PDB file of all heavy atoms in Angstrom:
ATOM      1  N   ASP A   1     107.494 103.886  26.104  1.00  0.00           N
ATOM      2  CA  ASP A   1     107.045 105.047  25.343  1.00  0.00           C
ATOM      3  C   ASP A   1     106.638 106.142  26.338  1.00  0.00           C
ATOM      4  O   ASP A   1     105.484 106.226  26.767  1.00  0.00           O
ATOM      5  CB  ASP A   1     105.869 104.658  24.442  1.00  0.00           C
ATOM      6  CG  ASP A   1     105.401 105.813  23.577  1.00  0.00           C
ATOM      7  OD1 ASP A   1     106.134 106.826  23.499  1.00  0.00           O
ATOM      8  OD2 ASP A   1     104.301 105.709  22.997  1.00  0.00           O
ATOM      9  N   PHE A   2     107.595 106.964  26.724  1.00  0.00           N
ATOM     10  CA  PHE A   2     107.362 107.969  27.758  1.00  0.00           C
ATOM     11  C   PHE A   2     107.351 109.396  27.201  1.00  0.00           C
ATOM     12  O   PHE A   2     107.475 110.357  27.961  1.00  0.00           O
ATOM     13  CB  PHE A   2     108.447 107.876  28.832  1.00  0.00           C
ATOM     14  CG  PHE A   2     108.548 106.521  29.475  1.00  0.00           C
ATOM     15  CD1 PHE A   2     109.742 105.805  29.411  1.00  0.00           C
ATOM     16  CD2 PHE A   2     107.465 105.962  30.126  1.00  0.00           C
ATOM     17  CE1 PHE A   2     109.853 104.552  30.009  1.00  0.00           C
ATOM     18  CE2 PHE A   2     107.563 104.718  30.724  1.00  0.00           C
ATOM     19  CZ  PHE A   2     108.754 103.995  30.664  1.00  0.00           C
ATOM     20  N   ASP A   3     107.221 109.541  25.896  1.00  0.00           N
ATOM     21  CA  ASP A   3     107.381 110.860  25.278  1.00  0.00           C
ATOM     22  C   ASP A   3     106.065 111.570  24.979  1.00  0.00           C
ATOM     23  O   ASP A   3     106.078 112.728  24.568  1.00  0.00           O
ATOM     24  CB  ASP A   3     108.191 110.730  23.972  1.00  0.00           C
ATOM     25  CG  ASP A   3     109.596 110.217  24.227  1.00  0.00           C
ATOM     26  OD1 ASP A   3     110.131 110.510  25.315  1.00  0.00           O
ATOM     27  OD2 ASP A   3     110.139 109.522  23.345  1.00  0.00           O
ATOM     28  N   ASP A   4     104.934 110.893  25.149  1.00  0.00           N
ATOM     29  CA  ASP A   4     103.642 111.526  24.872  1.00  0.00           C
ATOM     30  C   ASP A   4     103.360 112.555  25.967  1.00  0.00           C
ATOM     31  O   ASP A   4     103.147 112.190  27.137  1.00  0.00           O
ATOM     32  CB  ASP A   4     102.541 110.473  24.838  1.00  0.00           C
ATOM     33  CG  ASP A   4     101.200 111.050  24.380  1.00  0.00           C
ATOM     34  OD1 ASP A   4     100.969 112.263  24.591  1.00  0.00           O
ATOM     35  OD2 ASP A   4     100.387 110.291  23.827  1.00  0.00           O
ATOM     36  N   PRO A   5     103.330 113.866  25.660  1.00  0.00           N
ATOM     37  CA  PRO A   5     103.143 114.870  26.715  1.00  0.00           C
ATOM     38  C   PRO A   5     101.765 114.793  27.367  1.00  0.00           C
ATOM     39  O   PRO A   5     101.620 115.090  28.552  1.00  0.00           O
ATOM     40  CB  PRO A   5     103.332 116.198  25.965  1.00  0.00           C
ATOM     41  CG  PRO A   5     103.071 115.889  24.534  1.00  0.00           C
ATOM     42  CD  PRO A   5     103.501 114.476  24.325  1.00  0.00           C
ATOM     43  N   GLY A   6     100.731 114.365  26.608  1.00  0.00           N
ATOM     44  CA  GLY A   6      99.402 114.253  27.188  1.00  0.00           C
ATOM     45  C   GLY A   6      99.326 113.176  28.247  1.00  0.00           C
ATOM     46  O   GLY A   6      98.795 113.391  29.351  1.00  0.00           O
ATOM     47  N   LEU A   7      99.866 111.982  27.928  1.00  0.00           N
ATOM     48  CA  LEU A   7      99.873 110.893  28.903  1.00  0.00           C
ATOM     49  C   LEU A   7     100.809 111.197  30.063  1.00  0.00           C
ATOM     50  O   LEU A   7     100.520 110.862  31.221  1.00  0.00           O
ATOM     51  CB  LEU A   7     100.281 109.590  28.214  1.00  0.00           C
ATOM     52  CG  LEU A   7      99.262 108.990  27.241  1.00  0.00           C
ATOM     53  CD1 LEU A   7      99.843 107.761  26.551  1.00  0.00           C
ATOM     54  CD2 LEU A   7      97.973 108.637  27.971  1.00  0.00           C
ATOM     55  N   LYS A   8     101.929 111.835  29.779  1.00  0.00           N
ATOM     56  CA  LYS A   8     102.876 112.184  30.837  1.00  0.00           C
ATOM     57  C   LYS A   8     102.240 113.161  31.823  1.00  0.00           C
ATOM     58  O   LYS A   8     102.409 113.034  33.042  1.00  0.00           O
ATOM     59  CB  LYS A   8     104.144 112.785  30.223  1.00  0.00           C
ATOM     60  CG  LYS A   8     105.286 112.965  31.210  1.00  0.00           C
ATOM     61  CD  LYS A   8     106.541 113.439  30.487  1.00  0.00           C
ATOM     62  CE  LYS A   8     107.715 113.559  31.456  1.00  0.00           C
ATOM     63  NZ  LYS A   8     108.950 114.014  30.766  1.00  0.00           N
ATOM     64  N   CYS A   9     101.484 114.119  31.310  1.00  0.00           N
ATOM     65  CA  CYS A   9     100.802 115.085  32.177  1.00  0.00           C
ATOM     66  C   CYS A   9      99.802 114.376  33.084  1.00  0.00           C
ATOM     67  O   CYS A   9      99.751 114.627  34.296  1.00  0.00           O
ATOM     68  CB  CYS A   9     100.109 116.138  31.324  1.00  0.00           C
ATOM     69  SG  CYS A   9      99.106 117.312  32.236  1.00  0.00           S
ATOM     70  N   LYS A  10      99.014 113.470  32.527  1.00  0.00           N
ATOM     71  CA  LYS A  10      97.992 112.767  33.297  1.00  0.00           C
ATOM     72  C   LYS A  10      98.614 111.905  34.391  1.00  0.00           C
ATOM     73  O   LYS A  10      98.181 111.956  35.559  1.00  0.00           O
ATOM     74  CB  LYS A  10      97.151 111.907  32.352  1.00  0.00           C
ATOM     75  CG  LYS A  10      96.149 111.001  33.050  1.00  0.00           C
ATOM     76  CD  LYS A  10      95.373 110.176  32.037  1.00  0.00           C
ATOM     77  CE  LYS A  10      94.445 109.185  32.712  1.00  0.00           C
ATOM     78  NZ  LYS A  10      93.656 108.400  31.726  1.00  0.00           N
ATOM     79  N   TYR A  11      99.633 111.140  34.045  1.00  0.00           N
ATOM     80  CA  TYR A  11     100.206 110.217  35.032  1.00  0.00           C
ATOM     81  C   TYR A  11     101.066 110.937  36.058  1.00  0.00           C
ATOM     82  O   TYR A  11     101.114 110.521  37.219  1.00  0.00           O
ATOM     83  CB  TYR A  11     100.990 109.109  34.321  1.00  0.00           C
ATOM     84  CG  TYR A  11     100.082 108.063  33.723  1.00  0.00           C
ATOM     85  CD1 TYR A  11      99.818 108.044  32.360  1.00  0.00           C
ATOM     86  CD2 TYR A  11      99.463 107.127  34.530  1.00  0.00           C
ATOM     87  CE1 TYR A  11      98.965 107.099  31.808  1.00  0.00           C
ATOM     88  CE2 TYR A  11      98.612 106.168  33.992  1.00  0.00           C
ATOM     89  CZ  TYR A  11      98.362 106.164  32.639  1.00  0.00           C
ATOM     90  OH  TYR A  11      97.507 105.236  32.105  1.00  0.00           O
ATOM     91  N   PHE A  12     101.719 111.999  35.674  1.00  0.00           N
ATOM     92  CA  PHE A  12     102.472 112.761  36.672  1.00  0.00           C
ATOM     93  C   PHE A  12     101.514 113.412  37.675  1.00  0.00           C
ATOM     94  O   PHE A  12     101.840 113.542  38.861  1.00  0.00           O
ATOM     95  CB  PHE A  12     103.345 113.811  35.992  1.00  0.00           C
ATOM     96  CG  PHE A  12     104.688 113.277  35.568  1.00  0.00           C
ATOM     97  CD1 PHE A  12     104.838 111.967  35.162  1.00  0.00           C
ATOM     98  CD2 PHE A  12     105.810 114.088  35.579  1.00  0.00           C
ATOM     99  CE1 PHE A  12     106.069 111.471  34.773  1.00  0.00           C
ATOM    100  CE2 PHE A  12     107.058 113.603  35.203  1.00  0.00           C
ATOM    101  CZ  PHE A  12     107.188 112.287  34.791  1.00  0.00           C
ATOM    102  N   ALA A  13     100.338 113.833  37.213  1.00  0.00           N
ATOM    103  CA  ALA A  13      99.335 114.349  38.148  1.00  0.00           C
ATOM    104  C   ALA A  13      98.876 113.250  39.099  1.00  0.00           C
ATOM    105  O   ALA A  13      98.696 113.486  40.306  1.00  0.00           O
ATOM    106  CB  ALA A  13      98.149 114.922  37.379  1.00  0.00           C
ATOM    107  N   LEU A  14      98.698 112.035  38.583  1.00  0.00           N
ATOM    108  CA  LEU A  14      98.333 110.907  39.448  1.00  0.00           C
ATOM    109  C   LEU A  14      99.462 110.555  40.412  1.00  0.00           C
ATOM    110  O   LEU A  14      99.205 110.230  41.584  1.00  0.00           O
ATOM    111  CB  LEU A  14      97.974 109.697  38.586  1.00  0.00           C
ATOM    112  CG  LEU A  14      96.611 109.735  37.898  1.00  0.00           C
ATOM    113  CD1 LEU A  14      96.502 108.625  36.858  1.00  0.00           C
ATOM    114  CD2 LEU A  14      95.488 109.604  38.921  1.00  0.00           C
ATOM    115  N   PHE A  15     100.702 110.620  39.941  1.00  0.00           N
ATOM    116  CA  PHE A  15     101.835 110.354  40.837  1.00  0.00           C
ATOM    117  C   PHE A  15     101.860 111.369  41.986  1.00  0.00           C
ATOM    118  O   PHE A  15     102.135 111.011  43.139  1.00  0.00           O
ATOM    119  CB  PHE A  15     103.157 110.417  40.058  1.00  0.00           C
ATOM    120  CG  PHE A  15     103.300 109.345  39.006  1.00  0.00           C
ATOM    121  CD1 PHE A  15     104.171 109.531  37.926  1.00  0.00           C
ATOM    122  CD2 PHE A  15     102.575 108.170  39.067  1.00  0.00           C
ATOM    123  CE1 PHE A  15     104.318 108.558  36.956  1.00  0.00           C
ATOM    124  CE2 PHE A  15     102.707 107.187  38.093  1.00  0.00           C
ATOM    125  CZ  PHE A  15     103.580 107.386  37.036  1.00  0.00           C
ATOM    126  N   GLY A  16     101.607 112.633  41.656  1.00  0.00           N
ATOM    127  CA  GLY A  16     101.587 113.650  42.707  1.00  0.00           C
ATOM    128  C   GLY A  16     100.506 113.384  43.731  1.00  0.00           C
ATOM    129  O   GLY A  16     100.730 113.522  44.944  1.00  0.00           O
ATOM    130  N   LEU A  17      99.304 112.991  43.276  1.00  0.00           N
ATOM    131  CA  LEU A  17      98.228 112.666  44.209  1.00  0.00           C
ATOM    132  C   LEU A  17      98.579 111.442  45.043  1.00  0.00           C
ATOM    133  O   LEU A  17      98.270 111.387  46.245  1.00  0.00           O
ATOM    134  CB  LEU A  17      96.929 112.413  43.436  1.00  0.00           C
ATOM    135  CG  LEU A  17      96.269 113.650  42.821  1.00  0.00           C
ATOM    136  CD1 LEU A  17      95.133 113.241  41.887  1.00  0.00           C
ATOM    137  CD2 LEU A  17      95.753 114.568  43.913  1.00  0.00           C
ATOM    138  N   GLY A  18      99.228 110.460  44.420  1.00  0.00           N
ATOM    139  CA  GLY A  18      99.637 109.281  45.180  1.00  0.00           C
ATOM    140  C   GLY A  18     100.619 109.620  46.284  1.00  0.00           C
ATOM    141  O   GLY A  18     100.543 109.076  47.389  1.00  0.00           O
ATOM    142  N   GLN A  19     101.543 110.524  46.001  1.00  0.00           N
ATOM    143  CA  GLN A  19     102.514 110.919  47.025  1.00  0.00           C
ATOM    144  C   GLN A  19     101.877 111.708  48.152  1.00  0.00           C
ATOM    145  O   GLN A  19     102.184 111.486  49.326  1.00  0.00           O
ATOM    146  CB  GLN A  19     103.639 111.735  46.390  1.00  0.00           C
ATOM    147  CG  GLN A  19     104.675 110.912  45.651  1.00  0.00           C
ATOM    148  CD  GLN A  19     105.910 111.727  45.294  1.00  0.00           C
ATOM    149  OE1 GLN A  19     105.901 112.953  45.349  1.00  0.00           O
ATOM    150  NE2 GLN A  19     106.978 111.045  44.907  1.00  0.00           N
ATOM    151  N   VAL A  20     100.986 112.632  47.834  1.00  0.00           N
ATOM    152  CA  VAL A  20     100.398 113.458  48.884  1.00  0.00           C
ATOM    153  C   VAL A  20      99.447 112.642  49.755  1.00  0.00           C
ATOM    154  O   VAL A  20      99.273 112.941  50.944  1.00  0.00           O
ATOM    155  CB  VAL A  20      99.679 114.677  48.262  1.00  0.00           C
ATOM    156  CG1 VAL A  20      98.334 114.299  47.678  1.00  0.00           C
ATOM    157  CG2 VAL A  20      99.505 115.787  49.289  1.00  0.00           C
ATOM    158  N   PHE A  21      98.834 111.596  49.196  1.00  0.00           N
ATOM    159  CA  PHE A  21      97.945 110.755  49.984  1.00  0.00           C
ATOM    160  C   PHE A  21      98.703 109.733  50.833  1.00  0.00           C
ATOM    161  O   PHE A  21      98.185 109.277  51.851  1.00  0.00           O
ATOM    162  CB  PHE A  21      96.968 110.005  49.076  1.00  0.00           C
ATOM    163  CG  PHE A  21      95.772 110.822  48.670  1.00  0.00           C
ATOM    164  CD1 PHE A  21      95.453 110.988  47.336  1.00  0.00           C
ATOM    165  CD2 PHE A  21      94.971 111.421  49.624  1.00  0.00           C
ATOM    166  CE1 PHE A  21      94.347 111.734  46.956  1.00  0.00           C
ATOM    167  CE2 PHE A  21      93.860 112.170  49.251  1.00  0.00           C
ATOM    168  CZ  PHE A  21      93.555 112.329  47.918  1.00  0.00           C
ATOM    169  N   SER A  22      99.914 109.362  50.423  1.00  0.00           N
ATOM    170  CA  SER A  22     100.646 108.307  51.124  1.00  0.00           C
ATOM    171  C   SER A  22     101.679 108.839  52.093  1.00  0.00           C
ATOM    172  O   SER A  22     102.423 108.062  52.687  1.00  0.00           O
ATOM    173  CB  SER A  22     101.341 107.392  50.103  1.00  0.00           C
ATOM    174  OG  SER A  22     102.250 108.133  49.295  1.00  0.00           O
ATOM    175  N   SER A  23     101.754 110.165  52.299  1.00  0.00           N
ATOM    176  CA  SER A  23     102.749 110.735  53.198  1.00  0.00           C
ATOM    177  C   SER A  23     102.360 110.489  54.646  1.00  0.00           C
ATOM    178  O   SER A  23     101.184 110.514  55.016  1.00  0.00           O
ATOM    179  CB  SER A  23     102.890 112.243  52.960  1.00  0.00           C
ATOM    180  OG  SER A  23     103.314 112.485  51.637  1.00  0.00           O
ATOM    181  N   ALA A  24     103.374 110.262  55.487  1.00  0.00           N
ATOM    182  CA  ALA A  24     103.137 110.033  56.913  1.00  0.00           C
ATOM    183  C   ALA A  24     102.933 111.358  57.633  1.00  0.00           C
ATOM    184  O   ALA A  24     103.151 112.436  57.092  1.00  0.00           O
ATOM    185  CB  ALA A  24     104.324 109.275  57.522  1.00  0.00           C
ATOM    186  N   TYR A  25     102.525 111.274  58.900  1.00  0.00           N
ATOM    187  CA  TYR A  25     102.235 112.480  59.663  1.00  0.00           C
ATOM    188  C   TYR A  25     103.503 113.219  60.068  1.00  0.00           C
ATOM    189  O   TYR A  25     103.510 114.432  60.201  1.00  0.00           O
ATOM    190  CB  TYR A  25     101.442 112.117  60.927  1.00  0.00           C
ATOM    191  CG  TYR A  25      99.969 112.018  60.687  1.00  0.00           C
ATOM    192  CD1 TYR A  25      99.422 110.914  60.043  1.00  0.00           C
ATOM    193  CD2 TYR A  25      99.115 113.025  61.075  1.00  0.00           C
ATOM    194  CE1 TYR A  25      98.068 110.819  59.815  1.00  0.00           C
ATOM    195  CE2 TYR A  25      97.746 112.942  60.847  1.00  0.00           C
ATOM    196  CZ  TYR A  25      97.223 111.840  60.225  1.00  0.00           C
ATOM    197  OH  TYR A  25      95.877 111.747  59.988  1.00  0.00           O
ATOM    198  N   ASP A  26     104.595 112.506  60.321  1.00  0.00           N
ATOM    199  CA  ASP A  26     105.821 113.172  60.766  1.00  0.00           C
ATOM    200  C   ASP A  26     106.623 113.631  59.551  1.00  0.00           C
ATOM    201  O   ASP A  26     107.596 113.003  59.141  1.00  0.00           O
ATOM    202  CB  ASP A  26     106.639 112.227  61.658  1.00  0.00           C
ATOM    203  CG  ASP A  26     106.897 110.876  60.998  1.00  0.00           C
ATOM    204  OD1 ASP A  26     106.176 110.555  60.039  1.00  0.00           O
ATOM    205  OD2 ASP A  26     107.812 110.173  61.446  1.00  0.00           O
ATOM    206  N   ILE A  27     106.211 114.727  58.976  1.00  0.00           N
ATOM    207  CA  ILE A  27     106.885 115.273  57.796  1.00  0.00           C
ATOM    208  C   ILE A  27     108.149 115.998  58.257  1.00  0.00           C
ATOM    209  O   ILE A  27     108.103 116.905  59.084  1.00  0.00           O
ATOM    210  CB  ILE A  27     105.964 116.233  57.045  1.00  0.00           C
ATOM    211  CG1 ILE A  27     104.654 115.525  56.687  1.00  0.00           C
ATOM    212  CG2 ILE A  27     106.628 116.749  55.795  1.00  0.00           C
ATOM    213  CD1 ILE A  27     104.804 114.339  55.794  1.00  0.00           C
ATOM    214  N   THR A  28     109.283 115.595  57.720  1.00  0.00           N
ATOM    215  CA  THR A  28     110.542 116.234  58.112  1.00  0.00           C
ATOM    216  C   THR A  28     110.864 117.426  57.223  1.00  0.00           C
ATOM    217  O   THR A  28     111.358 118.441  57.691  1.00  0.00           O
ATOM    218  CB  THR A  28     111.685 115.210  58.041  1.00  0.00           C
ATOM    219  OG1 THR A  28     111.713 114.639  56.724  1.00  0.00           O
ATOM    220  CG2 THR A  28     111.468 114.097  59.056  1.00  0.00           C
ATOM    221  N   ASN A  29     110.576 117.318  55.929  1.00  0.00           N
ATOM    222  CA  ASN A  29     110.837 118.417  55.004  1.00  0.00           C
ATOM    223  C   ASN A  29     109.527 119.132  54.714  1.00  0.00           C
ATOM    224  O   ASN A  29     108.699 118.671  53.932  1.00  0.00           O
ATOM    225  CB  ASN A  29     111.460 117.884  53.711  1.00  0.00           C
ATOM    226  CG  ASN A  29     111.752 119.010  52.722  1.00  0.00           C
ATOM    227  OD1 ASN A  29     111.817 120.175  53.097  1.00  0.00           O
ATOM    228  ND2 ASN A  29     111.933 118.641  51.462  1.00  0.00           N
ATOM    229  N   THR A  30     109.305 120.262  55.381  1.00  0.00           N
ATOM    230  CA  THR A  30     108.050 120.999  55.225  1.00  0.00           C
ATOM    231  C   THR A  30     108.169 122.145  54.229  1.00  0.00           C
ATOM    232  O   THR A  30     107.251 122.944  54.112  1.00  0.00           O
ATOM    233  CB  THR A  30     107.612 121.562  56.589  1.00  0.00           C
ATOM    234  OG1 THR A  30     108.638 122.431  57.096  1.00  0.00           O
ATOM    235  CG2 THR A  30     107.345 120.445  57.579  1.00  0.00           C
ATOM    236  N   SER A  31     109.285 122.228  53.529  1.00  0.00           N
ATOM    237  CA  SER A  31     109.440 123.327  52.574  1.00  0.00           C
ATOM    238  C   SER A  31     108.603 123.116  51.326  1.00  0.00           C
ATOM    239  O   SER A  31     108.131 124.070  50.712  1.00  0.00           O
ATOM    240  CB  SER A  31     110.918 123.484  52.196  1.00  0.00           C
ATOM    241  OG  SER A  31     111.414 122.281  51.618  1.00  0.00           O
ATOM    242  N   VAL A  32     108.404 121.864  50.919  1.00  0.00           N
ATOM    243  CA  VAL A  32     107.641 121.544  49.719  1.00  0.00           C
ATOM    244  C   VAL A  32     106.642 120.448  50.066  1.00  0.00           C
ATOM    245  O   VAL A  32     106.982 119.472  50.733  1.00  0.00           O
ATOM    246  CB  VAL A  32     108.561 121.077  48.576  1.00  0.00           C
ATOM    247  CG1 VAL A  32     107.738 120.706  47.355  1.00  0.00           C
ATOM    248  CG2 VAL A  32     109.564 122.161  48.216  1.00  0.00           C
ATOM    249  N   LEU A  33     105.429 120.613  49.616  1.00  0.00           N
ATOM    250  CA  LEU A  33     104.387 119.619  49.874  1.00  0.00           C
ATOM    251  C   LEU A  33     104.683 118.353  49.078  1.00  0.00           C
ATOM    252  O   LEU A  33     105.130 118.425  47.932  1.00  0.00           O
ATOM    253  CB  LEU A  33     103.034 120.189  49.459  1.00  0.00           C
ATOM    254  CG  LEU A  33     101.794 119.505  50.032  1.00  0.00           C
ATOM    255  CD1 LEU A  33     101.658 119.836  51.506  1.00  0.00           C
ATOM    256  CD2 LEU A  33     100.555 119.948  49.280  1.00  0.00           C
ATOM    257  N   PRO A  34     104.457 117.175  49.643  1.00  0.00           N
ATOM    258  CA  PRO A  34     104.678 115.932  48.893  1.00  0.00           C
ATOM    259  C   PRO A  34     103.870 115.922  47.600  1.00  0.00           C
ATOM    260  O   PRO A  34     102.695 116.305  47.577  1.00  0.00           O
ATOM    261  CB  PRO A  34     104.191 114.847  49.859  1.00  0.00           C
ATOM    262  CG  PRO A  34     104.322 115.449  51.216  1.00  0.00           C
ATOM    263  CD  PRO A  34     104.062 116.908  51.046  1.00  0.00           C
ATOM    264  N   GLY A  35     104.485 115.517  46.533  1.00  0.00           N
ATOM    265  CA  GLY A  35     103.816 115.459  45.238  1.00  0.00           C
ATOM    266  C   GLY A  35     103.884 116.735  44.436  1.00  0.00           C
ATOM    267  O   GLY A  35     103.448 116.757  43.277  1.00  0.00           O
ATOM    268  N   SER A  36     104.428 117.810  45.023  1.00  0.00           N
ATOM    269  CA  SER A  36     104.447 119.099  44.327  1.00  0.00           C
ATOM    270  C   SER A  36     105.324 119.064  43.083  1.00  0.00           C
ATOM    271  O   SER A  36     105.023 119.741  42.083  1.00  0.00           O
ATOM    272  CB  SER A  36     104.929 120.203  45.269  1.00  0.00           C
ATOM    273  OG  SER A  36     104.037 120.373  46.341  1.00  0.00           O
ATOM    274  N   ALA A  37     106.418 118.308  43.116  1.00  0.00           N
ATOM    275  CA  ALA A  37     107.304 118.246  41.954  1.00  0.00           C
ATOM    276  C   ALA A  37     106.586 117.614  40.760  1.00  0.00           C
ATOM    277  O   ALA A  37     106.679 118.105  39.619  1.00  0.00           O
ATOM    278  CB  ALA A  37     108.568 117.459  42.294  1.00  0.00           C
ATOM    279  N   PHE A  38     105.852 116.527  41.005  1.00  0.00           N
ATOM    280  CA  PHE A  38     105.077 115.916  39.925  1.00  0.00           C
ATOM    281  C   PHE A  38     103.984 116.870  39.438  1.00  0.00           C
ATOM    282  O   PHE A  38     103.709 116.958  38.232  1.00  0.00           O
ATOM    283  CB  PHE A  38     104.452 114.605  40.404  1.00  0.00           C
ATOM    284  CG  PHE A  38     105.404 113.441  40.411  1.00  0.00           C
ATOM    285  CD1 PHE A  38     105.723 112.788  41.587  1.00  0.00           C
ATOM    286  CD2 PHE A  38     105.990 113.000  39.233  1.00  0.00           C
ATOM    287  CE1 PHE A  38     106.586 111.709  41.603  1.00  0.00           C
ATOM    288  CE2 PHE A  38     106.862 111.919  39.230  1.00  0.00           C
ATOM    289  CZ  PHE A  38     107.172 111.274  40.414  1.00  0.00           C
ATOM    290  N   PHE A  39     103.340 117.580  40.356  1.00  0.00           N
ATOM    291  CA  PHE A  39     102.301 118.528  39.976  1.00  0.00           C
ATOM    292  C   PHE A  39     102.865 119.632  39.087  1.00  0.00           C
ATOM    293  O   PHE A  39     102.277 119.968  38.047  1.00  0.00           O
ATOM    294  CB  PHE A  39     101.664 119.128  41.233  1.00  0.00           C
ATOM    295  CG  PHE A  39     100.760 120.297  40.963  1.00  0.00           C
ATOM    296  CD1 PHE A  39      99.447 120.101  40.577  1.00  0.00           C
ATOM    297  CD2 PHE A  39     101.227 121.601  41.091  1.00  0.00           C
ATOM    298  CE1 PHE A  39      98.606 121.177  40.319  1.00  0.00           C
ATOM    299  CE2 PHE A  39     100.395 122.682  40.844  1.00  0.00           C
ATOM    300  CZ  PHE A  39      99.077 122.466  40.453  1.00  0.00           C
ATOM    301  N   ALA A  40     103.992 120.203  39.501  1.00  0.00           N
ATOM    302  CA  ALA A  40     104.582 121.291  38.723  1.00  0.00           C
ATOM    303  C   ALA A  40     104.989 120.813  37.330  1.00  0.00           C
ATOM    304  O   ALA A  40     104.789 121.518  36.332  1.00  0.00           O
ATOM    305  CB  ALA A  40     105.789 121.866  39.467  1.00  0.00           C
ATOM    306  N   ARG A  41     105.545 119.609  37.270  1.00  0.00           N
ATOM    307  CA  ARG A  41     105.947 119.080  35.963  1.00  0.00           C
ATOM    308  C   ARG A  41     104.726 118.834  35.082  1.00  0.00           C
ATOM    309  O   ARG A  41     104.748 119.103  33.868  1.00  0.00           O
ATOM    310  CB  ARG A  41     106.731 117.775  36.158  1.00  0.00           C
ATOM    311  CG  ARG A  41     107.311 117.202  34.873  1.00  0.00           C
ATOM    312  CD  ARG A  41     108.271 118.164  34.234  1.00  0.00           C
ATOM    313  NE  ARG A  41     108.865 117.630  33.016  1.00  0.00           N
ATOM    314  CZ  ARG A  41     109.188 118.371  31.970  1.00  0.00           C
ATOM    315  NH1 ARG A  41     108.963 119.677  31.990  1.00  0.00           N
ATOM    316  NH2 ARG A  41     109.737 117.821  30.916  1.00  0.00           N
ATOM    317  N   ALA A  42     103.650 118.331  35.667  1.00  0.00           N
ATOM    318  CA  ALA A  42     102.430 118.102  34.897  1.00  0.00           C
ATOM    319  C   ALA A  42     101.841 119.418  34.403  1.00  0.00           C
ATOM    320  O   ALA A  42     101.349 119.503  33.272  1.00  0.00           O
ATOM    321  CB  ALA A  42     101.415 117.347  35.751  1.00  0.00           C
ATOM    322  N   MET A  43     101.891 120.453  35.230  1.00  0.00           N
ATOM    323  CA  MET A  43     101.387 121.762  34.815  1.00  0.00           C
ATOM    324  C   MET A  43     102.169 122.307  33.630  1.00  0.00           C
ATOM    325  O   MET A  43     101.610 122.928  32.729  1.00  0.00           O
ATOM    326  CB  MET A  43     101.456 122.741  35.983  1.00  0.00           C
ATOM    327  CG  MET A  43     100.365 122.547  37.026  1.00  0.00           C
ATOM    328  SD  MET A  43      98.717 123.022  36.448  1.00  0.00           S
ATOM    329  CE  MET A  43      98.903 124.793  36.287  1.00  0.00           C
ATOM    330  N   SER A  44     103.472 122.072  33.630  1.00  0.00           N
ATOM    331  CA  SER A  44     104.296 122.568  32.521  1.00  0.00           C
ATOM    332  C   SER A  44     104.006 121.831  31.218  1.00  0.00           C
ATOM    333  O   SER A  44     104.291 122.347  30.134  1.00  0.00           O
ATOM    334  CB  SER A  44     105.784 122.422  32.873  1.00  0.00           C
ATOM    335  OG  SER A  44     106.149 121.054  32.962  1.00  0.00           O
TER     336      SER A  44
END
């Protein structure tokens, strides 16, 4: 059941935080911060 927008917003925000906290120091792609895609989707 992945269609509830309220729960999807909450967990996508958590996914974004999980990605930004688990990123290594040698970031190869510096154009977008880790977790930003989940954050943007949660904001929408």
